[in-house]
């Protein structure tokens, strides 16, 4: 998936039309406040990846568990555990797990920090309220985000929000190489209890797995 996020020329007309729409900001603030009120969240979602050259399409189901700065992600045959300080990327097929330090001062991509999948983008973006749309029979409101930094991997993001619940239902990333990543929420489970060790990869339970320590 990282190969889908390559650099191309940013569309100038799109950047020119972008703005700081107060109506969009009000809605994003409501969603952000709602999200931050959750003690924990389990989010089941679908990822649709399309490429332009060559033309391909992939679908993947995923689950993200969040608790403050901790998370666990199950997606595309791998599992990522993060306790806020360390991150383990476990690949069952090859029986390997990579261990990393978490650098909170480093700007990370979507796949380096999957919590960004459902983050609320109110910094570093221009935003505009596009209007109401119907997605899978549900009435949603579309907000378009344009990055202020033109050197990022994508040139815009579309966010579909359920105003009744103040929850994100879909995020679509428009990559500069013509590829698209659409993340659609299937289900939210809020404030279910998870112990802290749920977000740690237990090597004692995986004796046959090779640990590759990338922290040294």
C-alpha atoms as a PDB file:
ATOM      1  CA  UNK A   1       0.000   0.000   0.000  1.00  0.00           C
ATOM      2  CA  UNK A   2       2.868   2.408   0.627  1.00  0.00           C
ATOM      3  CA  UNK A   3       3.727   2.250  -3.076  1.00  0.00           C
ATOM      4  CA  UNK A   4       0.318   3.762  -3.777  1.00  0.00           C
ATOM      5  CA  UNK A   5       1.304   7.009  -2.099  1.00  0.00           C
ATOM      6  CA  UNK A   6       3.829   8.502  -4.539  1.00  0.00           C
ATOM      7  CA  UNK A   7       4.590  12.113  -5.461  1.00  0.00           C
ATOM      8  CA  UNK A   8       3.075  13.863  -8.510  1.00  0.00           C
ATOM      9  CA  UNK A   9       2.215  17.508  -9.295  1.00  0.00           C
ATOM     10  CA  UNK A  10      -0.489  19.043  -7.110  1.00  0.00           C
ATOM     11  CA  UNK A  11      -3.559  20.350  -8.895  1.00  0.00           C
ATOM     12  CA  UNK A  12      -3.394  24.171  -8.746  1.00  0.00           C
ATOM     13  CA  UNK A  13      -7.127  24.842  -9.308  1.00  0.00           C
ATOM     14  CA  UNK A  14      -8.017  22.663  -6.326  1.00  0.00           C
ATOM     15  CA  UNK A  15      -5.569  24.513  -4.085  1.00  0.00           C
ATOM     16  CA  UNK A  16      -6.866  27.865  -5.258  1.00  0.00           C
ATOM     17  CA  UNK A  17     -10.463  26.980  -4.409  1.00  0.00           C
ATOM     18  CA  UNK A  18      -9.676  25.624  -0.958  1.00  0.00           C
ATOM     19  CA  UNK A  19     -10.584  27.742   2.047  1.00  0.00           C
ATOM     20  CA  UNK A  20     -11.077  27.756   5.800  1.00  0.00           C
ATOM     21  CA  UNK A  21     -14.824  27.263   5.831  1.00  0.00           C
ATOM     22  CA  UNK A  22     -16.209  28.033   9.333  1.00  0.00           C
ATOM     23  CA  UNK A  23     -19.162  25.671   8.802  1.00  0.00           C
ATOM     24  CA  UNK A  24     -16.750  22.827   7.992  1.00  0.00           C
ATOM     25  CA  UNK A  25     -14.592  23.682  11.011  1.00  0.00           C
ATOM     26  CA  UNK A  26     -17.627  23.675  13.309  1.00  0.00           C
ATOM     27  CA  UNK A  27     -18.589  20.197  12.135  1.00  0.00           C
ATOM     28  CA  UNK A  28     -15.018  18.884  12.423  1.00  0.00           C
ATOM     29  CA  UNK A  29     -14.768  20.294  15.950  1.00  0.00           C
ATOM     30  CA  UNK A  30     -17.937  18.447  16.949  1.00  0.00           C
ATOM     31  CA  UNK A  31     -16.586  15.188  15.553  1.00  0.00           C
ATOM     32  CA  UNK A  32     -13.221  15.750  17.260  1.00  0.00           C
ATOM     33  CA  UNK A  33     -14.857  16.470  20.621  1.00  0.00           C
ATOM     34  CA  UNK A  34     -17.002  13.341  20.314  1.00  0.00           C
ATOM     35  CA  UNK A  35     -14.047  11.145  19.376  1.00  0.00           C
ATOM     36  CA  UNK A  36     -11.887  12.445  22.236  1.00  0.00           C
ATOM     37  CA  UNK A  37     -14.669  11.648  24.710  1.00  0.00           C
ATOM     38  CA  UNK A  38     -14.334   7.915  24.037  1.00  0.00           C
ATOM     39  CA  UNK A  39     -12.353   5.930  26.597  1.00  0.00           C
ATOM     40  CA  UNK A  40     -11.800   3.220  24.000  1.00  0.00           C
ATOM     41  CA  UNK A  41     -13.019   2.427  20.500  1.00  0.00           C
ATOM     42  CA  UNK A  42     -13.144  -0.651  18.315  1.00  0.00           C
ATOM     43  CA  UNK A  43     -13.645   0.255  14.666  1.00  0.00           C
ATOM     44  CA  UNK A  44     -14.340  -2.322  11.986  1.00  0.00           C
ATOM     45  CA  UNK A  45     -13.752  -0.958   8.506  1.00  0.00           C
ATOM     46  CA  UNK A  46     -13.214  -1.772   4.850  1.00  0.00           C
ATOM     47  CA  UNK A  47     -10.322  -0.471   2.749  1.00  0.00           C
ATOM     48  CA  UNK A  48     -10.748  -0.115  -1.014  1.00  0.00           C
ATOM     49  CA  UNK A  49      -7.507   0.542  -2.903  1.00  0.00           C
ATOM     50  CA  UNK A  50      -7.573   1.513  -6.562  1.00  0.00           C
ATOM     51  CA  UNK A  51      -4.663   2.359  -8.841  1.00  0.00           C
ATOM     52  CA  UNK A  52      -4.664   4.128 -12.185  1.00  0.00           C
ATOM     53  CA  UNK A  53      -1.563   2.643 -13.839  1.00  0.00           C
ATOM     54  CA  UNK A  54      -1.991  -0.292 -13.979  1.00  0.00           C
ATOM     55  CA  UNK A  55      -5.693  -0.211 -13.194  1.00  0.00           C
ATOM     56  CA  UNK A  56      -6.279  -2.432 -10.160  1.00  0.00           C
ATOM     57  CA  UNK A  57      -8.727  -2.729  -7.283  1.00  0.00           C
ATOM     58  CA  UNK A  58      -8.289  -4.375  -3.877  1.00  0.00           C
ATOM     59  CA  UNK A  59     -10.636  -4.778  -0.905  1.00  0.00           C
ATOM     60  CA  UNK A  60      -9.461  -5.466   2.629  1.00  0.00           C
ATOM     61  CA  UNK A  61     -11.301  -5.748   5.937  1.00  0.00           C
ATOM     62  CA  UNK A  62      -9.627  -4.308   9.002  1.00  0.00           C
ATOM     63  CA  UNK A  63     -10.143  -3.678  12.698  1.00  0.00           C
ATOM     64  CA  UNK A  64      -8.632  -0.901  14.787  1.00  0.00           C
ATOM     65  CA  UNK A  65      -8.724  -0.841  18.591  1.00  0.00           C
ATOM     66  CA  UNK A  66      -7.827   2.448  20.325  1.00  0.00           C
ATOM     67  CA  UNK A  67      -7.219   3.425  23.936  1.00  0.00           C
ATOM     68  CA  UNK A  68      -5.632   6.856  24.436  1.00  0.00           C
ATOM     69  CA  UNK A  69      -2.225   6.648  22.714  1.00  0.00           C
ATOM     70  CA  UNK A  70      -2.411   2.857  22.465  1.00  0.00           C
ATOM     71  CA  UNK A  71      -3.747   0.925  19.483  1.00  0.00           C
ATOM     72  CA  UNK A  72      -3.922  -2.447  17.810  1.00  0.00           C
ATOM     73  CA  UNK A  73      -4.530  -2.871  14.087  1.00  0.00           C
ATOM     74  CA  UNK A  74      -5.424  -6.046  12.196  1.00  0.00           C
ATOM     75  CA  UNK A  75      -5.185  -5.463   8.440  1.00  0.00           C
ATOM     76  CA  UNK A  76      -3.939  -7.253   5.334  1.00  0.00           C
ATOM     77  CA  UNK A  77      -2.651 -10.328   7.145  1.00  0.00           C
ATOM     78  CA  UNK A  78      -0.557  -8.474   9.717  1.00  0.00           C
ATOM     79  CA  UNK A  79      -1.122  -7.206  13.240  1.00  0.00           C
ATOM     80  CA  UNK A  80       0.302  -4.004  14.705  1.00  0.00           C
ATOM     81  CA  UNK A  81       0.464  -3.451  18.459  1.00  0.00           C
ATOM     82  CA  UNK A  82       1.392  -0.125  20.053  1.00  0.00           C
ATOM     83  CA  UNK A  83       1.471   0.718  23.761  1.00  0.00           C
ATOM     84  CA  UNK A  84       2.384   4.358  23.147  1.00  0.00           C
ATOM     85  CA  UNK A  85       6.132   3.753  23.582  1.00  0.00           C
ATOM     86  CA  UNK A  86       6.868   0.631  21.535  1.00  0.00           C
ATOM     87  CA  UNK A  87       5.328  -0.711  18.341  1.00  0.00           C
ATOM     88  CA  UNK A  88       5.291  -4.351  17.218  1.00  0.00           C
ATOM     89  CA  UNK A  89       4.444  -5.315  13.634  1.00  0.00           C
ATOM     90  CA  UNK A  90       3.613  -9.022  13.576  1.00  0.00           C
ATOM     91  CA  UNK A  91       3.544 -10.998  10.303  1.00  0.00           C
ATOM     92  CA  UNK A  92       2.098 -14.453  11.055  1.00  0.00           C
ATOM     93  CA  UNK A  93       2.821 -15.874   7.595  1.00  0.00           C
ATOM     94  CA  UNK A  94       6.583 -15.496   8.028  1.00  0.00           C
ATOM     95  CA  UNK A  95       6.515 -15.828  11.838  1.00  0.00           C
ATOM     96  CA  UNK A  96       8.342 -12.549  12.376  1.00  0.00           C
ATOM     97  CA  UNK A  97       7.667  -9.463  14.493  1.00  0.00           C
ATOM     98  CA  UNK A  98       9.466  -6.138  14.076  1.00  0.00           C
ATOM     99  CA  UNK A  99       9.906  -3.961  17.167  1.00  0.00           C
ATOM    100  CA  UNK A 100      10.173  -0.164  16.874  1.00  0.00           C
ATOM    101  CA  UNK A 101      10.402   2.816  19.196  1.00  0.00           C
ATOM    102  CA  UNK A 102       7.540   5.307  18.929  1.00  0.00           C
ATOM    103  CA  UNK A 103       8.795   8.806  18.116  1.00  0.00           C
ATOM    104  CA  UNK A 104       5.936  11.158  18.967  1.00  0.00           C
ATOM    105  CA  UNK A 105       7.841  14.125  17.533  1.00  0.00           C
ATOM    106  CA  UNK A 106       8.130  12.499  14.117  1.00  0.00           C
ATOM    107  CA  UNK A 107       5.473  13.105  11.487  1.00  0.00           C
ATOM    108  CA  UNK A 108       4.148   9.702  10.455  1.00  0.00           C
ATOM    109  CA  UNK A 109       2.236   8.542   7.423  1.00  0.00           C
ATOM    110  CA  UNK A 110      -1.185   6.943   7.551  1.00  0.00           C
ATOM    111  CA  UNK A 111       0.262   3.431   7.591  1.00  0.00           C
ATOM    112  CA  UNK A 112       3.021   4.217  10.089  1.00  0.00           C
ATOM    113  CA  UNK A 113       0.384   5.414  12.545  1.00  0.00           C
ATOM    114  CA  UNK A 114      -3.024   3.892  11.749  1.00  0.00           C
ATOM    115  CA  UNK A 115      -4.705   5.989  14.441  1.00  0.00           C
ATOM    116  CA  UNK A 116      -4.622   8.731  11.821  1.00  0.00           C
ATOM    117  CA  UNK A 117      -7.190   6.773   9.814  1.00  0.00           C
ATOM    118  CA  UNK A 118      -9.929   8.148  12.051  1.00  0.00           C
ATOM    119  CA  UNK A 119      -8.215  11.313  13.293  1.00  0.00           C
ATOM    120  CA  UNK A 120      -9.876  14.667  12.834  1.00  0.00           C
ATOM    121  CA  UNK A 121      -7.829  16.863  10.542  1.00  0.00           C
ATOM    122  CA  UNK A 122      -8.029  20.402  11.910  1.00  0.00           C
ATOM    123  CA  UNK A 123      -4.338  21.301  11.663  1.00  0.00           C
ATOM    124  CA  UNK A 124      -2.366  21.707   8.472  1.00  0.00           C
ATOM    125  CA  UNK A 125      -5.428  21.675   6.212  1.00  0.00           C
ATOM    126  CA  UNK A 126      -7.779  24.019   4.451  1.00  0.00           C
ATOM    127  CA  UNK A 127     -11.325  22.722   4.719  1.00  0.00           C
ATOM    128  CA  UNK A 128     -14.609  23.266   2.961  1.00  0.00           C
ATOM    129  CA  UNK A 129     -18.128  21.991   3.546  1.00  0.00           C
ATOM    130  CA  UNK A 130     -19.251  20.441   0.256  1.00  0.00           C
ATOM    131  CA  UNK A 131     -22.795  19.419   1.221  1.00  0.00           C
ATOM    132  CA  UNK A 132     -25.035  16.469   1.938  1.00  0.00           C
ATOM    133  CA  UNK A 133     -24.604  13.170   0.111  1.00  0.00           C
ATOM    134  CA  UNK A 134     -26.253   9.759   0.253  1.00  0.00           C
ATOM    135  CA  UNK A 135     -23.927   6.829   0.839  1.00  0.00           C
ATOM    136  CA  UNK A 136     -25.348   3.292   1.105  1.00  0.00           C
ATOM    137  CA  UNK A 137     -28.754   4.715   1.991  1.00  0.00           C
ATOM    138  CA  UNK A 138     -27.385   6.930   4.759  1.00  0.00           C
ATOM    139  CA  UNK A 139     -27.502  10.740   4.721  1.00  0.00           C
ATOM    140  CA  UNK A 140     -23.998  12.102   5.318  1.00  0.00           C
ATOM    141  CA  UNK A 141     -22.216  15.441   5.072  1.00  0.00           C
ATOM    142  CA  UNK A 142     -19.062  15.782   2.976  1.00  0.00           C
ATOM    143  CA  UNK A 143     -16.072  17.887   4.014  1.00  0.00           C
ATOM    144  CA  UNK A 144     -13.098  18.338   1.701  1.00  0.00           C
ATOM    145  CA  UNK A 145      -9.611  18.825   3.147  1.00  0.00           C
ATOM    146  CA  UNK A 146      -6.672  20.265   1.220  1.00  0.00           C
ATOM    147  CA  UNK A 147      -3.183  20.014   2.785  1.00  0.00           C
ATOM    148  CA  UNK A 148      -1.337  23.280   3.288  1.00  0.00           C
ATOM    149  CA  UNK A 149       1.941  21.419   2.758  1.00  0.00           C
ATOM    150  CA  UNK A 150       2.151  20.603  -0.934  1.00  0.00           C
ATOM    151  CA  UNK A 151       4.902  18.009  -0.380  1.00  0.00           C
ATOM    152  CA  UNK A 152       2.664  15.414   1.297  1.00  0.00           C
ATOM    153  CA  UNK A 153       1.644  12.128  -0.337  1.00  0.00           C
ATOM    154  CA  UNK A 154      -1.903  13.165  -1.312  1.00  0.00           C
ATOM    155  CA  UNK A 155      -3.541  16.312  -2.684  1.00  0.00           C
ATOM    156  CA  UNK A 156      -6.914  16.099  -0.941  1.00  0.00           C
ATOM    157  CA  UNK A 157      -9.039  14.081   1.468  1.00  0.00           C
ATOM    158  CA  UNK A 158     -12.803  13.714   1.451  1.00  0.00           C
ATOM    159  CA  UNK A 159     -14.466  12.989   4.788  1.00  0.00           C
ATOM    160  CA  UNK A 160     -18.083  11.818   5.066  1.00  0.00           C
ATOM    161  CA  UNK A 161     -19.644  12.532   8.467  1.00  0.00           C
ATOM    162  CA  UNK A 162     -22.861  11.398  10.103  1.00  0.00           C
ATOM    163  CA  UNK A 163     -24.050  14.636  11.728  1.00  0.00           C
ATOM    164  CA  UNK A 164     -26.592  12.793  13.880  1.00  0.00           C
ATOM    165  CA  UNK A 165     -23.849  10.859  15.698  1.00  0.00           C
ATOM    166  CA  UNK A 166     -20.870  13.163  14.949  1.00  0.00           C
ATOM    167  CA  UNK A 167     -18.907  10.204  13.626  1.00  0.00           C
ATOM    168  CA  UNK A 168     -16.777   9.727  10.538  1.00  0.00           C
ATOM    169  CA  UNK A 169     -18.273   7.137   8.201  1.00  0.00           C
ATOM    170  CA  UNK A 170     -15.828   7.324   5.293  1.00  0.00           C
ATOM    171  CA  UNK A 171     -12.459   8.848   4.417  1.00  0.00           C
ATOM    172  CA  UNK A 172     -11.119   8.945   0.865  1.00  0.00           C
ATOM    173  CA  UNK A 173      -7.466   9.770   0.188  1.00  0.00           C
ATOM    174  CA  UNK A 174      -6.602  11.117  -3.278  1.00  0.00           C
ATOM    175  CA  UNK A 175      -2.985  10.222  -3.984  1.00  0.00           C
ATOM    176  CA  UNK A 176      -0.896  12.249  -6.399  1.00  0.00           C
ATOM    177  CA  UNK A 177      -0.228   9.235  -8.630  1.00  0.00           C
ATOM    178  CA  UNK A 178      -3.944   8.807  -9.398  1.00  0.00           C
ATOM    179  CA  UNK A 179      -4.543   6.031  -6.865  1.00  0.00           C
ATOM    180  CA  UNK A 180      -7.264   6.207  -4.220  1.00  0.00           C
ATOM    181  CA  UNK A 181      -7.653   4.736  -0.732  1.00  0.00           C
ATOM    182  CA  UNK A 182     -11.235   4.677   0.574  1.00  0.00           C
ATOM    183  CA  UNK A 183     -11.780   3.695   4.204  1.00  0.00           C
ATOM    184  CA  UNK A 184     -15.418   2.952   5.054  1.00  0.00           C
ATOM    185  CA  UNK A 185     -16.558   2.283   8.607  1.00  0.00           C
ATOM    186  CA  UNK A 186     -18.573  -0.890   9.113  1.00  0.00           C
ATOM    187  CA  UNK A 187     -19.129  -0.650  12.867  1.00  0.00           C
ATOM    188  CA  UNK A 188     -18.129   1.353  15.934  1.00  0.00           C
ATOM    189  CA  UNK A 189     -17.977  -0.240  19.397  1.00  0.00           C
ATOM    190  CA  UNK A 190     -17.346   2.475  21.973  1.00  0.00           C
ATOM    191  CA  UNK A 191     -16.025   2.303  25.568  1.00  0.00           C
ATOM    192  CA  UNK A 192     -15.500  -1.436  25.763  1.00  0.00           C
ATOM    193  CA  UNK A 193     -12.846  -2.309  28.362  1.00  0.00           C
ATOM    194  CA  UNK A 194      -9.370  -3.388  27.134  1.00  0.00           C
ATOM    195  CA  UNK A 195      -6.447  -4.086  29.483  1.00  0.00           C
ATOM    196  CA  UNK A 196      -3.192  -2.280  28.689  1.00  0.00           C
ATOM    197  CA  UNK A 197      -1.445  -5.528  27.767  1.00  0.00           C
ATOM    198  CA  UNK A 198      -3.951  -5.997  24.933  1.00  0.00           C
ATOM    199  CA  UNK A 199      -1.807  -3.461  23.048  1.00  0.00           C
ATOM    200  CA  UNK A 200       1.469  -5.313  23.626  1.00  0.00           C
ATOM    201  CA  UNK A 201       2.765  -8.208  21.536  1.00  0.00           C
ATOM    202  CA  UNK A 202       3.480 -11.008  24.007  1.00  0.00           C
ATOM    203  CA  UNK A 203       6.592 -12.847  22.848  1.00  0.00           C
ATOM    204  CA  UNK A 204       6.060 -15.460  25.568  1.00  0.00           C
ATOM    205  CA  UNK A 205       2.913 -16.586  23.780  1.00  0.00           C
ATOM    206  CA  UNK A 206       4.706 -16.747  20.412  1.00  0.00           C
ATOM    207  CA  UNK A 207       7.831 -18.780  21.117  1.00  0.00           C
ATOM    208  CA  UNK A 208       8.382 -19.653  17.446  1.00  0.00           C
ATOM    209  CA  UNK A 209       8.224 -16.065  16.214  1.00  0.00           C
ATOM    210  CA  UNK A 210      11.502 -14.344  15.321  1.00  0.00           C
ATOM    211  CA  UNK A 211      11.838 -10.915  16.965  1.00  0.00           C
ATOM    212  CA  UNK A 212      13.674  -8.319  14.873  1.00  0.00           C
ATOM    213  CA  UNK A 213      14.629  -5.450  17.175  1.00  0.00           C
ATOM    214  CA  UNK A 214      14.701  -2.179  15.198  1.00  0.00           C
ATOM    215  CA  UNK A 215      15.166  -0.045  18.332  1.00  0.00           C
ATOM    216  CA  UNK A 216      18.913  -0.611  18.607  1.00  0.00           C
END
